[in-house]
């Protein structure tokens, strides 16, 4: 009878510990409104930076093609 109580108590204790960790994990996932606001602003800033980087990459590619074109013109110029 004592072994059955120990086993049942162990199962109950394991369930309670698992529930406690699950609760603590969920509580930790929920963020304060201030933190959520900061994250949203950060994401907006990051999107703006990515847009600027894309624009600069396009401009660099355009300049590279223009330089290639001018270089070809210079090479083809009669001497």
PDB file of N, CA and C in Angstrom:
ATOM      1  N   UNK A   1       0.837  -1.187   0.000  1.00  0.00           N
ATOM      2  CA  UNK A   1       0.000   0.000   0.000  1.00  0.00           C
ATOM      3  C   UNK A   1       0.878   1.244   0.000  1.00  0.00           C
ATOM      4  N   UNK A   2       1.996   1.194   0.721  1.00  0.00           N
ATOM      5  CA  UNK A   2       2.873   2.350   0.808  1.00  0.00           C
ATOM      6  C   UNK A   2       3.524   2.670  -0.538  1.00  0.00           C
ATOM      7  N   UNK A   3       3.853   1.620  -1.304  1.00  0.00           N
ATOM      8  CA  UNK A   3       4.482   1.817  -2.609  1.00  0.00           C
ATOM      9  C   UNK A   3       3.499   2.502  -3.555  1.00  0.00           C
ATOM     10  N   UNK A   4       2.235   2.104  -3.487  1.00  0.00           N
ATOM     11  CA  UNK A   4       1.211   2.700  -4.349  1.00  0.00           C
ATOM     12  C   UNK A   4       1.048   4.179  -4.021  1.00  0.00           C
ATOM     13  N   UNK A   5       1.104   4.529  -2.727  1.00  0.00           N
ATOM     14  CA  UNK A   5       0.985   5.935  -2.344  1.00  0.00           C
ATOM     15  C   UNK A   5       2.191   6.745  -2.828  1.00  0.00           C
ATOM     16  N   UNK A   6       3.361   6.159  -2.753  1.00  0.00           N
ATOM     17  CA  UNK A   6       4.568   6.854  -3.219  1.00  0.00           C
ATOM     18  C   UNK A   6       4.489   7.081  -4.724  1.00  0.00           C
ATOM     19  N   UNK A   7       4.052   6.076  -5.458  1.00  0.00           N
ATOM     20  CA  UNK A   7       3.937   6.200  -6.916  1.00  0.00           C
ATOM     21  C   UNK A   7       2.885   7.249  -7.269  1.00  0.00           C
ATOM     22  N   UNK A   8       1.730   7.186  -6.632  1.00  0.00           N
ATOM     23  CA  UNK A   8       0.662   8.157  -6.902  1.00  0.00           C
ATOM     24  C   UNK A   8       1.110   9.559  -6.512  1.00  0.00           C
ATOM     25  N   UNK A   9       1.780   9.689  -5.388  1.00  0.00           N
ATOM     26  CA  UNK A   9       2.292  10.993  -4.960  1.00  0.00           C
ATOM     27  C   UNK A   9       3.326  11.532  -5.938  1.00  0.00           C
ATOM     28  N   UNK A  10       4.185  10.660  -6.458  1.00  0.00           N
ATOM     29  CA  UNK A  10       5.177  11.064  -7.446  1.00  0.00           C
ATOM     30  C   UNK A  10       4.533  11.560  -8.727  1.00  0.00           C
ATOM     31  N   UNK A  11       3.495  10.849  -9.160  1.00  0.00           N
ATOM     32  CA  UNK A  11       2.785  11.283 -10.366  1.00  0.00           C
ATOM     33  C   UNK A  11       2.114  12.635 -10.162  1.00  0.00           C
ATOM     34  N   UNK A  12       1.501  12.818  -9.009  1.00  0.00           N
ATOM     35  CA  UNK A  12       0.849  14.106  -8.709  1.00  0.00           C
ATOM     36  C   UNK A  12       1.897  15.206  -8.644  1.00  0.00           C
ATOM     37  N   UNK A  13       3.006  14.942  -7.998  1.00  0.00           N
ATOM     38  CA  UNK A  13       4.080  15.939  -7.881  1.00  0.00           C
ATOM     39  C   UNK A  13       4.648  16.282  -9.251  1.00  0.00           C
ATOM     40  N   UNK A  14       4.849  15.293 -10.106  1.00  0.00           N
ATOM     41  CA  UNK A  14       5.355  15.559 -11.458  1.00  0.00           C
ATOM     42  C   UNK A  14       4.368  16.420 -12.245  1.00  0.00           C
ATOM     43  N   UNK A  15       3.093  16.154 -12.095  1.00  0.00           N
ATOM     44  CA  UNK A  15       2.076  16.933 -12.793  1.00  0.00           C
ATOM     45  C   UNK A  15       2.073  18.377 -12.298  1.00  0.00           C
ATOM     46  N   UNK A  16       2.182  18.558 -10.995  1.00  0.00           N
ATOM     47  CA  UNK A  16       2.192  19.911 -10.439  1.00  0.00           C
ATOM     48  C   UNK A  16       3.434  20.687 -10.883  1.00  0.00           C
ATOM     49  N   UNK A  17       4.573  20.037 -10.883  1.00  0.00           N
ATOM     50  CA  UNK A  17       5.807  20.712 -11.313  1.00  0.00           C
ATOM     51  C   UNK A  17       5.710  21.099 -12.788  1.00  0.00           C
ATOM     52  N   UNK A  18       5.204  20.196 -13.623  1.00  0.00           N
ATOM     53  CA  UNK A  18       5.052  20.497 -15.044  1.00  0.00           C
ATOM     54  C   UNK A  18       4.080  21.650 -15.247  1.00  0.00           C
ATOM     55  N   UNK A  19       2.991  21.651 -14.496  1.00  0.00           N
ATOM     56  CA  UNK A  19       2.013  22.744 -14.600  1.00  0.00           C
ATOM     57  C   UNK A  19       2.624  24.065 -14.162  1.00  0.00           C
ATOM     58  N   UNK A  20       3.398  24.036 -13.094  1.00  0.00           N
ATOM     59  CA  UNK A  20       4.045  25.246 -12.611  1.00  0.00           C
ATOM     60  C   UNK A  20       4.989  25.823 -13.665  1.00  0.00           C
ATOM     61  N   UNK A  21       5.822  24.982 -14.259  1.00  0.00           N
ATOM     62  CA  UNK A  21       6.747  25.466 -15.287  1.00  0.00           C
ATOM     63  C   UNK A  21       6.000  25.959 -16.521  1.00  0.00           C
ATOM     64  N   UNK A  22       4.917  25.303 -16.844  1.00  0.00           N
ATOM     65  CA  UNK A  22       4.109  25.754 -17.981  1.00  0.00           C
ATOM     66  C   UNK A  22       3.517  27.141 -17.695  1.00  0.00           C
ATOM     67  N   UNK A  23       3.002  27.329 -16.505  1.00  0.00           N
ATOM     68  CA  UNK A  23       2.443  28.629 -16.112  1.00  0.00           C
ATOM     69  C   UNK A  23       3.516  29.712 -16.141  1.00  0.00           C
ATOM     70  N   UNK A  24       4.676  29.406 -15.590  1.00  0.00           N
ATOM     71  CA  UNK A  24       5.751  30.392 -15.563  1.00  0.00           C
ATOM     72  C   UNK A  24       6.217  30.737 -16.974  1.00  0.00           C
ATOM     73  N   UNK A  25       6.267  29.748 -17.847  1.00  0.00           N
ATOM     74  CA  UNK A  25       6.663  29.996 -19.232  1.00  0.00           C
ATOM     75  C   UNK A  25       5.670  30.882 -19.954  1.00  0.00           C
ATOM     76  N   UNK A  26       4.383  30.621 -19.760  1.00  0.00           N
ATOM     77  CA  UNK A  26       3.353  31.452 -20.393  1.00  0.00           C
ATOM     78  C   UNK A  26       3.374  32.873 -19.830  1.00  0.00           C
ATOM     79  N   UNK A  27       3.586  32.977 -18.547  1.00  0.00           N
ATOM     80  CA  UNK A  27       3.636  34.307 -17.924  1.00  0.00           C
ATOM     81  C   UNK A  27       4.809  35.104 -18.481  1.00  0.00           C
ATOM     82  N   UNK A  28       5.907  34.419 -18.713  1.00  0.00           N
ATOM     83  CA  UNK A  28       7.096  35.092 -19.230  1.00  0.00           C
ATOM     84  C   UNK A  28       6.905  35.523 -20.677  1.00  0.00           C
ATOM     85  N   UNK A  29       6.102  34.767 -21.430  1.00  0.00           N
ATOM     86  CA  UNK A  29       5.861  35.106 -22.834  1.00  0.00           C
ATOM     87  C   UNK A  29       5.041  36.386 -22.963  1.00  0.00           C
ATOM     88  N   UNK A  30       4.137  36.598 -22.035  1.00  0.00           N
ATOM     89  CA  UNK A  30       3.321  37.814 -22.090  1.00  0.00           C
ATOM     90  C   UNK A  30       4.208  39.003 -21.744  1.00  0.00           C
ATOM     91  N   UNK A  31       4.210  39.997 -22.629  1.00  0.00           N
ATOM     92  CA  UNK A  31       5.084  41.144 -22.448  1.00  0.00           C
ATOM     93  C   UNK A  31       4.303  42.347 -21.932  1.00  0.00           C
ATOM     94  N   UNK A  32       5.027  43.236 -21.318  1.00  0.00           N
ATOM     95  CA  UNK A  32       4.424  44.481 -20.888  1.00  0.00           C
ATOM     96  C   UNK A  32       4.043  45.300 -22.115  1.00  0.00           C
ATOM     97  N   UNK A  33       3.027  46.141 -22.010  1.00  0.00           N
ATOM     98  CA  UNK A  33       2.648  46.997 -23.148  1.00  0.00           C
ATOM     99  C   UNK A  33       3.787  47.916 -23.589  1.00  0.00           C
ATOM    100  N   UNK A  34       4.589  48.367 -22.660  1.00  0.00           N
ATOM    101  CA  UNK A  34       5.711  49.235 -23.020  1.00  0.00           C
ATOM    102  C   UNK A  34       6.720  48.484 -23.869  1.00  0.00           C
ATOM    103  N   UNK A  35       6.988  47.250 -23.512  1.00  0.00           N
ATOM    104  CA  UNK A  35       7.947  46.453 -24.277  1.00  0.00           C
ATOM    105  C   UNK A  35       7.390  46.170 -25.665  1.00  0.00           C
ATOM    106  N   UNK A  36       6.107  45.866 -25.754  1.00  0.00           N
ATOM    107  CA  UNK A  36       5.489  45.623 -27.057  1.00  0.00           C
ATOM    108  C   UNK A  36       5.568  46.867 -27.928  1.00  0.00           C
ATOM    109  N   UNK A  37       5.366  48.038 -27.335  1.00  0.00           N
ATOM    110  CA  UNK A  37       5.455  49.295 -28.078  1.00  0.00           C
ATOM    111  C   UNK A  37       6.879  49.521 -28.574  1.00  0.00           C
ATOM    112  N   UNK A  38       7.860  49.250 -27.722  1.00  0.00           N
ATOM    113  CA  UNK A  38       9.256  49.399 -28.125  1.00  0.00           C
ATOM    114  C   UNK A  38       9.600  48.448 -29.261  1.00  0.00           C
ATOM    115  N   UNK A  39       9.094  47.236 -29.184  1.00  0.00           N
ATOM    116  CA  UNK A  39       9.353  46.253 -30.240  1.00  0.00           C
ATOM    117  C   UNK A  39       8.733  46.725 -31.549  1.00  0.00           C
ATOM    118  N   UNK A  40       7.518  47.264 -31.495  1.00  0.00           N
ATOM    119  CA  UNK A  40       6.856  47.757 -32.701  1.00  0.00           C
ATOM    120  C   UNK A  40       7.656  48.904 -33.321  1.00  0.00           C
ATOM    121  N   UNK A  41       8.135  49.839 -32.478  1.00  0.00           N
ATOM    122  CA  UNK A  41       8.952  50.944 -33.002  1.00  0.00           C
ATOM    123  C   UNK A  41      10.251  50.423 -33.608  1.00  0.00           C
ATOM    124  N   UNK A  42      10.855  49.457 -32.951  1.00  0.00           N
ATOM    125  CA  UNK A  42      12.087  48.870 -33.463  1.00  0.00           C
ATOM    126  C   UNK A  42      11.856  48.220 -34.826  1.00  0.00           C
ATOM    127  N   UNK A  43      10.740  47.502 -34.960  1.00  0.00           N
ATOM    128  CA  UNK A  43      10.421  46.857 -36.229  1.00  0.00           C
ATOM    129  C   UNK A  43      10.199  47.893 -37.322  1.00  0.00           C
ATOM    130  N   UNK A  44       9.562  49.023 -36.993  1.00  0.00           N
ATOM    131  CA  UNK A  44       9.368  50.094 -37.969  1.00  0.00           C
ATOM    132  C   UNK A  44      10.703  50.682 -38.400  1.00  0.00           C
ATOM    133  N   UNK A  45      11.572  50.930 -37.429  1.00  0.00           N
ATOM    134  CA  UNK A  45      12.895  51.470 -37.756  1.00  0.00           C
ATOM    135  C   UNK A  45      13.680  50.502 -38.611  1.00  0.00           C
ATOM    136  N   UNK A  46      13.596  49.218 -38.290  1.00  0.00           N
ATOM    137  CA  UNK A  46      14.294  48.200 -39.054  1.00  0.00           C
ATOM    138  C   UNK A  46      13.774  48.143 -40.492  1.00  0.00           C
ATOM    139  N   UNK A  47      12.466  48.255 -40.663  1.00  0.00           N
ATOM    140  CA  UNK A  47      11.888  48.255 -42.010  1.00  0.00           C
ATOM    141  C   UNK A  47      12.370  49.472 -42.798  1.00  0.00           C
ATOM    142  N   UNK A  48      12.454  50.627 -42.143  1.00  0.00           N
ATOM    143  CA  UNK A  48      12.940  51.836 -42.814  1.00  0.00           C
ATOM    144  C   UNK A  48      14.405  51.671 -43.219  1.00  0.00           C
ATOM    145  N   UNK A  49      15.206  51.103 -42.347  1.00  0.00           N
ATOM    146  CA  UNK A  49      16.622  50.883 -42.662  1.00  0.00           C
ATOM    147  C   UNK A  49      16.759  49.904 -43.829  1.00  0.00           C
ATOM    148  N   UNK A  50      15.947  48.849 -43.830  1.00  0.00           N
ATOM    149  CA  UNK A  50      16.001  47.888 -44.929  1.00  0.00           C
ATOM    150  C   UNK A  50      15.602  48.546 -46.247  1.00  0.00           C
ATOM    151  N   UNK A  51      14.602  49.424 -46.214  1.00  0.00           N
ATOM    152  CA  UNK A  51      14.181  50.126 -47.428  1.00  0.00           C
ATOM    153  C   UNK A  51      15.306  51.020 -47.946  1.00  0.00           C
ATOM    154  N   UNK A  52      15.971  51.739 -47.043  1.00  0.00           N
ATOM    155  CA  UNK A  52      17.095  52.589 -47.454  1.00  0.00           C
ATOM    156  C   UNK A  52      18.218  51.745 -48.040  1.00  0.00           C
ATOM    157  N   UNK A  53      18.495  50.613 -47.431  1.00  0.00           N
ATOM    158  CA  UNK A  53      19.560  49.736 -47.932  1.00  0.00           C
ATOM    159  C   UNK A  53      19.211  49.230 -49.336  1.00  0.00           C
ATOM    160  N   UNK A  54      17.954  48.872 -49.553  1.00  0.00           N
ATOM    161  CA  UNK A  54      17.530  48.425 -50.878  1.00  0.00           C
ATOM    162  C   UNK A  54      17.697  49.532 -51.910  1.00  0.00           C
ATOM    163  N   UNK A  55      17.316  50.773 -51.541  1.00  0.00           N
ATOM    164  CA  UNK A  55      17.477  51.910 -52.452  1.00  0.00           C
ATOM    165  C   UNK A  55      18.943  52.121 -52.791  1.00  0.00           C
ATOM    166  N   UNK A  56      19.797  52.040 -51.796  1.00  0.00           N
ATOM    167  CA  UNK A  56      21.230  52.252 -52.037  1.00  0.00           C
ATOM    168  C   UNK A  56      21.805  51.144 -52.905  1.00  0.00           C
ATOM    169  N   UNK A  57      21.372  49.908 -52.702  1.00  0.00           N
ATOM    170  CA  UNK A  57      21.852  48.808 -53.529  1.00  0.00           C
ATOM    171  C   UNK A  57      21.431  49.006 -54.977  1.00  0.00           C
ATOM    172  N   UNK A  58      20.189  49.459 -55.186  1.00  0.00           N
ATOM    173  CA  UNK A  58      19.724  49.732 -56.546  1.00  0.00           C
ATOM    174  C   UNK A  58      20.541  50.850 -57.184  1.00  0.00           C
ATOM    175  N   UNK A  59      20.809  51.894 -56.436  1.00  0.00           N
ATOM    176  CA  UNK A  59      21.589  53.023 -56.946  1.00  0.00           C
ATOM    177  C   UNK A  59      23.022  52.585 -57.279  1.00  0.00           C
ATOM    178  N   UNK A  60      23.608  51.755 -56.434  1.00  0.00           N
ATOM    179  CA  UNK A  60      24.957  51.249 -56.693  1.00  0.00           C
ATOM    180  C   UNK A  60      24.972  50.410 -57.967  1.00  0.00           C
ATOM    181  N   UNK A  61      23.969  49.559 -58.134  1.00  0.00           N
ATOM    182  CA  UNK A  61      23.893  48.733 -59.346  1.00  0.00           C
ATOM    183  C   UNK A  61      23.749  49.624 -60.586  1.00  0.00           C
ATOM    184  N   UNK A  62      22.956  50.669 -60.470  1.00  0.00           N
ATOM    185  CA  UNK A  62      22.778  51.596 -61.579  1.00  0.00           C
ATOM    186  C   UNK A  62      24.092  52.308 -61.903  1.00  0.00           C
ATOM    187  N   UNK A  63      24.799  52.763 -60.886  1.00  0.00           N
ATOM    188  CA  UNK A  63      26.083  53.425 -61.097  1.00  0.00           C
ATOM    189  C   UNK A  63      27.106  52.476 -61.717  1.00  0.00           C
ATOM    190  N   UNK A  64      27.107  51.219 -61.274  1.00  0.00           N
ATOM    191  CA  UNK A  64      28.028  50.244 -61.851  1.00  0.00           C
ATOM    192  C   UNK A  64      27.755  50.041 -63.334  1.00  0.00           C
ATOM    193  N   UNK A  65      26.486  49.975 -63.712  1.00  0.00           N
ATOM    194  CA  UNK A  65      26.164  49.798 -65.132  1.00  0.00           C
ATOM    195  C   UNK A  65      26.553  51.047 -65.928  1.00  0.00           C
ATOM    196  N   UNK A  66      26.362  52.223 -65.356  1.00  0.00           N
ATOM    197  CA  UNK A  66      26.762  53.458 -66.028  1.00  0.00           C
ATOM    198  C   UNK A  66      28.283  53.513 -66.190  1.00  0.00           C
ATOM    199  N   UNK A  67      29.020  53.103 -65.182  1.00  0.00           N
ATOM    200  CA  UNK A  67      30.484  53.099 -65.257  1.00  0.00           C
ATOM    201  C   UNK A  67      30.947  52.107 -66.328  1.00  0.00           C
ATOM    202  N   UNK A  68      30.308  50.957 -66.384  1.00  0.00           N
ATOM    203  CA  UNK A  68      30.654  49.968 -67.405  1.00  0.00           C
ATOM    204  C   UNK A  68      30.402  50.537 -68.797  1.00  0.00           C
ATOM    205  N   UNK A  69      29.273  51.210 -68.968  1.00  0.00           N
ATOM    206  CA  UNK A  69      28.939  51.806 -70.260  1.00  0.00           C
ATOM    207  C   UNK A  69      29.965  52.871 -70.645  1.00  0.00           C
ATOM    208  N   UNK A  70      30.313  53.744 -69.732  1.00  0.00           N
ATOM    209  CA  UNK A  70      31.282  54.800 -70.009  1.00  0.00           C
ATOM    210  C   UNK A  70      32.652  54.204 -70.310  1.00  0.00           C
ATOM    211  N   UNK A  71      33.028  53.177 -69.593  1.00  0.00           N
ATOM    212  CA  UNK A  71      34.309  52.515 -69.827  1.00  0.00           C
ATOM    213  C   UNK A  71      34.356  51.936 -71.239  1.00  0.00           C
ATOM    214  N   UNK A  72      33.263  51.310 -71.670  1.00  0.00           N
ATOM    215  CA  UNK A  72      33.216  50.764 -73.029  1.00  0.00           C
ATOM    216  C   UNK A  72      33.316  51.872 -74.057  1.00  0.00           C
ATOM    217  N   UNK A  73      32.643  52.993 -73.794  1.00  0.00           N
ATOM    218  CA  UNK A  73      32.725  54.123 -74.722  1.00  0.00           C
ATOM    219  C   UNK A  73      34.156  54.640 -74.833  1.00  0.00           C
ATOM    220  N   UNK A  74      34.827  54.739 -73.708  1.00  0.00           N
ATOM    221  CA  UNK A  74      36.209  55.227 -73.710  1.00  0.00           C
ATOM    222  C   UNK A  74      37.118  54.255 -74.455  1.00  0.00           C
ATOM    223  N   UNK A  75      36.924  52.953 -74.264  1.00  0.00           N
ATOM    224  CA  UNK A  75      37.744  51.960 -74.931  1.00  0.00           C
ATOM    225  C   UNK A  75      37.519  51.949 -76.427  1.00  0.00           C
ATOM    226  N   UNK A  76      36.300  52.251 -76.883  1.00  0.00           N
ATOM    227  CA  UNK A  76      35.966  52.212 -78.307  1.00  0.00           C
ATOM    228  C   UNK A  76      36.318  53.520 -79.020  1.00  0.00           C
ATOM    229  N   UNK A  77      36.689  54.521 -78.293  1.00  0.00           N
ATOM    230  CA  UNK A  77      37.007  55.833 -78.883  1.00  0.00           C
ATOM    231  C   UNK A  77      38.207  55.687 -79.819  1.00  0.00           C
ATOM    232  N   UNK A  78      38.083  56.243 -80.996  1.00  0.00           N
ATOM    233  CA  UNK A  78      39.214  56.140 -81.928  1.00  0.00           C
ATOM    234  C   UNK A  78      40.408  56.951 -81.432  1.00  0.00           C
ATOM    235  N   UNK A  79      41.580  56.441 -81.671  1.00  0.00           N
ATOM    236  CA  UNK A  79      42.790  57.109 -81.197  1.00  0.00           C
ATOM    237  C   UNK A  79      43.471  57.843 -82.297  1.00  0.00           C
TER     238      UNK A  79
END
